[in-house]
Amino acid sequence: MKLTPLRKRRVKAGMSEDLVADYLGITKGSLSMIERGHDNLRLEYAAKLSKLYKCTVDDICRDLGVL
């Protein structure tokens, strides 16, 4: 499993895919697609992830190559 920047944030925070997917209200597969950049990240999810990972929405977008 390749550690993309967003996935590294999750791992560094010590959180499982199941935990983060449940927090976002999505499936584990959908989270995996987002972390790999294969699915568009909704602003709502970016905001929730930034709170969860204690970073900014800009950081999340940079991790995905959006900024």
PDB file of N, CA and C in Angstrom:
ATOM      1  N   MET A   1       0.841  -1.175   0.000  1.00  0.00           N
ATOM      2  CA  MET A   1       0.000   0.000   0.000  1.00  0.00           C
ATOM      3  C   MET A   1       0.890   1.243   0.000  1.00  0.00           C
ATOM      4  N   LYS A   2       0.734   2.062  -1.013  1.00  0.00           N
ATOM      5  CA  LYS A   2       1.495   3.297  -1.120  1.00  0.00           C
ATOM      6  C   LYS A   2       0.928   4.328  -0.151  1.00  0.00           C
ATOM      7  N   LEU A   3       1.799   4.994   0.579  1.00  0.00           N
ATOM      8  CA  LEU A   3       1.351   6.020   1.506  1.00  0.00           C
ATOM      9  C   LEU A   3       1.334   7.373   0.807  1.00  0.00           C
ATOM     10  N   THR A   4       0.156   7.774   0.385  1.00  0.00           N
ATOM     11  CA  THR A   4      -0.018   9.096  -0.204  1.00  0.00           C
ATOM     12  C   THR A   4       0.026  10.118   0.926  1.00  0.00           C
ATOM     13  N   PRO A   5       0.219  11.405   0.619  1.00  0.00           N
ATOM     14  CA  PRO A   5       0.288  12.406   1.686  1.00  0.00           C
ATOM     15  C   PRO A   5      -0.934  12.403   2.617  1.00  0.00           C
ATOM     16  N   LEU A   6      -2.119  12.251   2.059  1.00  0.00           N
ATOM     17  CA  LEU A   6      -3.317  12.249   2.900  1.00  0.00           C
ATOM     18  C   LEU A   6      -3.375  10.988   3.760  1.00  0.00           C
ATOM     19  N   ARG A   7      -2.984   9.870   3.193  1.00  0.00           N
ATOM     20  CA  ARG A   7      -2.949   8.622   3.961  1.00  0.00           C
ATOM     21  C   ARG A   7      -1.893   8.719   5.069  1.00  0.00           C
ATOM     22  N   LYS A   8      -0.763   9.365   4.781  1.00  0.00           N
ATOM     23  CA  LYS A   8       0.268   9.558   5.802  1.00  0.00           C
ATOM     24  C   LYS A   8      -0.278  10.354   6.979  1.00  0.00           C
ATOM     25  N   ARG A   9      -1.091  11.358   6.696  1.00  0.00           N
ATOM     26  CA  ARG A   9      -1.702  12.149   7.775  1.00  0.00           C
ATOM     27  C   ARG A   9      -2.552  11.256   8.677  1.00  0.00           C
ATOM     28  N   ARG A  10      -3.338  10.377   8.053  1.00  0.00           N
ATOM     29  CA  ARG A  10      -4.208   9.492   8.831  1.00  0.00           C
ATOM     30  C   ARG A  10      -3.379   8.541   9.677  1.00  0.00           C
ATOM     31  N   VAL A  11      -2.366   7.944   9.077  1.00  0.00           N
ATOM     32  CA  VAL A  11      -1.518   6.993   9.792  1.00  0.00           C
ATOM     33  C   VAL A  11      -0.777   7.702  10.935  1.00  0.00           C
ATOM     34  N   LYS A  12      -0.250   8.894  10.655  1.00  0.00           N
ATOM     35  CA  LYS A  12       0.465   9.662  11.676  1.00  0.00           C
ATOM     36  C   LYS A  12      -0.461  10.004  12.844  1.00  0.00           C
ATOM     37  N   ALA A  13      -1.738  10.236  12.542  1.00  0.00           N
ATOM     38  CA  ALA A  13      -2.717  10.542  13.587  1.00  0.00           C
ATOM     39  C   ALA A  13      -3.143   9.283  14.342  1.00  0.00           C
ATOM     40  N   GLY A  14      -2.705   8.109  13.862  1.00  0.00           N
ATOM     41  CA  GLY A  14      -3.018   6.851  14.530  1.00  0.00           C
ATOM     42  C   GLY A  14      -4.459   6.404  14.334  1.00  0.00           C
ATOM     43  N   MET A  15      -5.038   6.768  13.201  1.00  0.00           N
ATOM     44  CA  MET A  15      -6.446   6.460  12.938  1.00  0.00           C
ATOM     45  C   MET A  15      -6.580   5.414  11.842  1.00  0.00           C
ATOM     46  N   SER A  16      -7.534   4.523  12.018  1.00  0.00           N
ATOM     47  CA  SER A  16      -7.781   3.477  11.029  1.00  0.00           C
ATOM     48  C   SER A  16      -8.690   4.003   9.918  1.00  0.00           C
ATOM     49  N   GLU A  17      -8.680   3.288   8.800  1.00  0.00           N
ATOM     50  CA  GLU A  17      -9.595   3.638   7.703  1.00  0.00           C
ATOM     51  C   GLU A  17     -11.044   3.562   8.173  1.00  0.00           C
ATOM     52  N   ASP A  18     -11.360   2.542   8.953  1.00  0.00           N
ATOM     53  CA  ASP A  18     -12.725   2.373   9.445  1.00  0.00           C
ATOM     54  C   ASP A  18     -13.167   3.574  10.278  1.00  0.00           C
ATOM     55  N   LEU A  19     -12.310   4.025  11.173  1.00  0.00           N
ATOM     56  CA  LEU A  19     -12.640   5.146  12.045  1.00  0.00           C
ATOM     57  C   LEU A  19     -12.904   6.415  11.240  1.00  0.00           C
ATOM     58  N   VAL A  20     -12.009   6.733  10.312  1.00  0.00           N
ATOM     59  CA  VAL A  20     -12.139   7.958   9.524  1.00  0.00           C
ATOM     60  C   VAL A  20     -13.339   7.865   8.581  1.00  0.00           C
ATOM     61  N   ALA A  21     -13.536   6.714   7.969  1.00  0.00           N
ATOM     62  CA  ALA A  21     -14.693   6.540   7.076  1.00  0.00           C
ATOM     63  C   ALA A  21     -15.994   6.720   7.850  1.00  0.00           C
ATOM     64  N   ASP A  22     -16.080   6.141   9.039  1.00  0.00           N
ATOM     65  CA  ASP A  22     -17.272   6.309   9.873  1.00  0.00           C
ATOM     66  C   ASP A  22     -17.485   7.771  10.243  1.00  0.00           C
ATOM     67  N   TYR A  23     -16.405   8.459  10.591  1.00  0.00           N
ATOM     68  CA  TYR A  23     -16.466   9.879  10.950  1.00  0.00           C
ATOM     69  C   TYR A  23     -17.016  10.707   9.785  1.00  0.00           C
ATOM     70  N   LEU A  24     -16.596  10.364   8.567  1.00  0.00           N
ATOM     71  CA  LEU A  24     -17.060  11.101   7.384  1.00  0.00           C
ATOM     72  C   LEU A  24     -18.426  10.633   6.896  1.00  0.00           C
ATOM     73  N   GLY A  25     -18.850   9.453   7.344  1.00  0.00           N
ATOM     74  CA  GLY A  25     -20.120   8.895   6.892  1.00  0.00           C
ATOM     75  C   GLY A  25     -20.046   8.292   5.503  1.00  0.00           C
ATOM     76  N   ILE A  26     -18.870   7.726   5.181  1.00  0.00           N
ATOM     77  CA  ILE A  26     -18.658   7.101   3.873  1.00  0.00           C
ATOM     78  C   ILE A  26     -18.099   5.697   4.089  1.00  0.00           C
ATOM     79  N   THR A  27     -17.991   4.949   3.006  1.00  0.00           N
ATOM     80  CA  THR A  27     -17.424   3.610   3.114  1.00  0.00           C
ATOM     81  C   THR A  27     -15.897   3.689   3.160  1.00  0.00           C
ATOM     82  N   LYS A  28     -15.308   2.611   3.632  1.00  0.00           N
ATOM     83  CA  LYS A  28     -13.844   2.512   3.669  1.00  0.00           C
ATOM     84  C   LYS A  28     -13.277   2.584   2.250  1.00  0.00           C
ATOM     85  N   GLY A  29     -13.973   1.986   1.306  1.00  0.00           N
ATOM     86  CA  GLY A  29     -13.543   2.038  -0.088  1.00  0.00           C
ATOM     87  C   GLY A  29     -13.548   3.454  -0.640  1.00  0.00           C
ATOM     88  N   SER A  30     -14.575   4.223  -0.276  1.00  0.00           N
ATOM     89  CA  SER A  30     -14.641   5.622  -0.720  1.00  0.00           C
ATOM     90  C   SER A  30     -13.503   6.433  -0.123  1.00  0.00           C
ATOM     91  N   LEU A  31     -13.191   6.183   1.146  1.00  0.00           N
ATOM     92  CA  LEU A  31     -12.072   6.876   1.785  1.00  0.00           C
ATOM     93  C   LEU A  31     -10.773   6.534   1.068  1.00  0.00           C
ATOM     94  N   SER A  32     -10.587   5.277   0.741  1.00  0.00           N
ATOM     95  CA  SER A  32      -9.384   4.855   0.038  1.00  0.00           C
ATOM     96  C   SER A  32      -9.259   5.571  -1.306  1.00  0.00           C
ATOM     97  N   MET A  33     -10.368   5.673  -2.015  1.00  0.00           N
ATOM     98  CA  MET A  33     -10.370   6.373  -3.312  1.00  0.00           C
ATOM     99  C   MET A  33      -9.998   7.843  -3.134  1.00  0.00           C
ATOM    100  N   ILE A  34     -10.518   8.484  -2.092  1.00  0.00           N
ATOM    101  CA  ILE A  34     -10.195   9.887  -1.819  1.00  0.00           C
ATOM    102  C   ILE A  34      -8.713  10.016  -1.490  1.00  0.00           C
ATOM    103  N   GLU A  35      -8.218   9.157  -0.605  1.00  0.00           N
ATOM    104  CA  GLU A  35      -6.817   9.236  -0.204  1.00  0.00           C
ATOM    105  C   GLU A  35      -5.869   9.038  -1.381  1.00  0.00           C
ATOM    106  N   ARG A  36      -6.263   8.241  -2.352  1.00  0.00           N
ATOM    107  CA  ARG A  36      -5.423   8.006  -3.527  1.00  0.00           C
ATOM    108  C   ARG A  36      -5.635   9.045  -4.619  1.00  0.00           C
ATOM    109  N   GLY A  37      -6.580   9.966  -4.401  1.00  0.00           N
ATOM    110  CA  GLY A  37      -6.834  11.017  -5.378  1.00  0.00           C
ATOM    111  C   GLY A  37      -7.662  10.561  -6.558  1.00  0.00           C
ATOM    112  N   HIS A  38      -8.360   9.424  -6.418  1.00  0.00           N
ATOM    113  CA  HIS A  38      -9.171   8.892  -7.506  1.00  0.00           C
ATOM    114  C   HIS A  38     -10.634   9.294  -7.400  1.00  0.00           C
ATOM    115  N   ASP A  39     -10.962  10.087  -6.412  1.00  0.00           N
ATOM    116  CA  ASP A  39     -12.331  10.557  -6.231  1.00  0.00           C
ATOM    117  C   ASP A  39     -12.257  12.009  -5.782  1.00  0.00           C
ATOM    118  N   ASN A  40     -13.197  12.814  -6.230  1.00  0.00           N
ATOM    119  CA  ASN A  40     -13.220  14.214  -5.835  1.00  0.00           C
ATOM    120  C   ASN A  40     -13.544  14.339  -4.352  1.00  0.00           C
ATOM    121  N   LEU A  41     -12.802  15.169  -3.688  1.00  0.00           N
ATOM    122  CA  LEU A  41     -13.004  15.408  -2.269  1.00  0.00           C
ATOM    123  C   LEU A  41     -14.014  16.531  -2.093  1.00  0.00           C
ATOM    124  N   ARG A  42     -15.109  16.230  -1.444  1.00  0.00           N
ATOM    125  CA  ARG A  42     -16.111  17.253  -1.168  1.00  0.00           C
ATOM    126  C   ARG A  42     -15.565  18.195  -0.097  1.00  0.00           C
ATOM    127  N   LEU A  43     -15.940  19.471  -0.197  1.00  0.00           N
ATOM    128  CA  LEU A  43     -15.481  20.474   0.758  1.00  0.00           C
ATOM    129  C   LEU A  43     -15.861  20.084   2.189  1.00  0.00           C
ATOM    130  N   GLU A  44     -17.035  19.504   2.334  1.00  0.00           N
ATOM    131  CA  GLU A  44     -17.498  19.041   3.648  1.00  0.00           C
ATOM    132  C   GLU A  44     -16.504  18.039   4.248  1.00  0.00           C
ATOM    133  N   TYR A  45     -16.024  17.114   3.437  1.00  0.00           N
ATOM    134  CA  TYR A  45     -15.064  16.121   3.912  1.00  0.00           C
ATOM    135  C   TYR A  45     -13.709  16.755   4.215  1.00  0.00           C
ATOM    136  N   ALA A  46     -13.289  17.692   3.381  1.00  0.00           N
ATOM    137  CA  ALA A  46     -12.013  18.373   3.608  1.00  0.00           C
ATOM    138  C   ALA A  46     -12.049  19.107   4.947  1.00  0.00           C
ATOM    139  N   ALA A  47     -13.165  19.758   5.249  1.00  0.00           N
ATOM    140  CA  ALA A  47     -13.301  20.478   6.519  1.00  0.00           C
ATOM    141  C   ALA A  47     -13.253  19.509   7.695  1.00  0.00           C
ATOM    142  N   LYS A  48     -13.942  18.386   7.583  1.00  0.00           N
ATOM    143  CA  LYS A  48     -13.943  17.397   8.665  1.00  0.00           C
ATOM    144  C   LYS A  48     -12.558  16.783   8.847  1.00  0.00           C
ATOM    145  N   LEU A  49     -11.893  16.482   7.734  1.00  0.00           N
ATOM    146  CA  LEU A  49     -10.552  15.898   7.820  1.00  0.00           C
ATOM    147  C   LEU A  49      -9.562  16.879   8.443  1.00  0.00           C
ATOM    148  N   SER A  50      -9.693  18.155   8.114  1.00  0.00           N
ATOM    149  CA  SER A  50      -8.770  19.144   8.678  1.00  0.00           C
ATOM    150  C   SER A  50      -8.933  19.230  10.190  1.00  0.00           C
ATOM    151  N   LYS A  51     -10.156  19.114  10.682  1.00  0.00           N
ATOM    152  CA  LYS A  51     -10.366  19.107  12.140  1.00  0.00           C
ATOM    153  C   LYS A  51      -9.797  17.838  12.756  1.00  0.00           C
ATOM    154  N   LEU A  52     -10.065  16.721  12.116  1.00  0.00           N
ATOM    155  CA  LEU A  52      -9.619  15.426  12.627  1.00  0.00           C
ATOM    156  C   LEU A  52      -8.095  15.332  12.668  1.00  0.00           C
ATOM    157  N   TYR A  53      -7.435  15.827  11.610  1.00  0.00           N
ATOM    158  CA  TYR A  53      -5.978  15.726  11.500  1.00  0.00           C
ATOM    159  C   TYR A  53      -5.254  16.961  12.028  1.00  0.00           C
ATOM    160  N   LYS A  54      -6.023  17.928  12.542  1.00  0.00           N
ATOM    161  CA  LYS A  54      -5.453  19.153  13.121  1.00  0.00           C
ATOM    162  C   LYS A  54      -4.541  19.881  12.128  1.00  0.00           C
ATOM    163  N   CYS A  55      -5.109  20.163  10.965  1.00  0.00           N
ATOM    164  CA  CYS A  55      -4.400  20.913   9.932  1.00  0.00           C
ATOM    165  C   CYS A  55      -5.425  21.812   9.241  1.00  0.00           C
ATOM    166  N   THR A  56      -5.027  22.473   8.191  1.00  0.00           N
ATOM    167  CA  THR A  56      -5.955  23.348   7.471  1.00  0.00           C
ATOM    168  C   THR A  56      -6.570  22.622   6.278  1.00  0.00           C
ATOM    169  N   VAL A  57      -7.654  23.179   5.776  1.00  0.00           N
ATOM    170  CA  VAL A  57      -8.266  22.644   4.559  1.00  0.00           C
ATOM    171  C   VAL A  57      -7.266  22.761   3.410  1.00  0.00           C
ATOM    172  N   ASP A  58      -6.504  23.849   3.397  1.00  0.00           N
ATOM    173  CA  ASP A  58      -5.470  24.020   2.359  1.00  0.00           C
ATOM    174  C   ASP A  58      -4.462  22.859   2.410  1.00  0.00           C
ATOM    175  N   ASP A  59      -4.076  22.439   3.617  1.00  0.00           N
ATOM    176  CA  ASP A  59      -3.141  21.311   3.748  1.00  0.00           C
ATOM    177  C   ASP A  59      -3.723  20.057   3.117  1.00  0.00           C
ATOM    178  N   ILE A  60      -5.001  19.804   3.384  1.00  0.00           N
ATOM    179  CA  ILE A  60      -5.668  18.627   2.821  1.00  0.00           C
ATOM    180  C   ILE A  60      -5.679  18.720   1.289  1.00  0.00           C
ATOM    181  N   CYS A  61      -6.015  19.898   0.774  1.00  0.00           N
ATOM    182  CA  CYS A  61      -6.054  20.081  -0.683  1.00  0.00           C
ATOM    183  C   CYS A  61      -4.666  19.936  -1.302  1.00  0.00           C
ATOM    184  N   ARG A  62      -3.643  20.439  -0.629  1.00  0.00           N
ATOM    185  CA  ARG A  62      -2.267  20.273  -1.125  1.00  0.00           C
ATOM    186  C   ARG A  62      -1.879  18.797  -1.159  1.00  0.00           C
ATOM    187  N   ASP A  63      -2.286  18.054  -0.131  1.00  0.00           N
ATOM    188  CA  ASP A  63      -1.975  16.620  -0.091  1.00  0.00           C
ATOM    189  C   ASP A  63      -2.549  15.906  -1.315  1.00  0.00           C
ATOM    190  N   LEU A  64      -3.668  16.402  -1.808  1.00  0.00           N
ATOM    191  CA  LEU A  64      -4.323  15.776  -2.953  1.00  0.00           C
ATOM    192  C   LEU A  64      -3.909  16.397  -4.288  1.00  0.00           C
ATOM    193  N   GLY A  65      -3.025  17.409  -4.223  1.00  0.00           N
ATOM    194  CA  GLY A  65      -2.565  18.050  -5.443  1.00  0.00           C
ATOM    195  C   GLY A  65      -3.554  19.009  -6.050  1.00  0.00           C
ATOM    196  N   VAL A  66      -4.514  19.457  -5.247  1.00  0.00           N
ATOM    197  CA  VAL A  66      -5.530  20.390  -5.746  1.00  0.00           C
ATOM    198  C   VAL A  66      -5.000  21.804  -5.735  1.00  0.00           C
ATOM    199  N   LEU A  67      -4.120  22.119  -4.797  1.00  0.00           N
ATOM    200  CA  LEU A  67      -3.514  23.460  -4.712  1.00  0.00           C
ATOM    201  C   LEU A  67      -2.066  23.410  -5.100  1.00  0.00           C
TER     202      LEU A  67
END
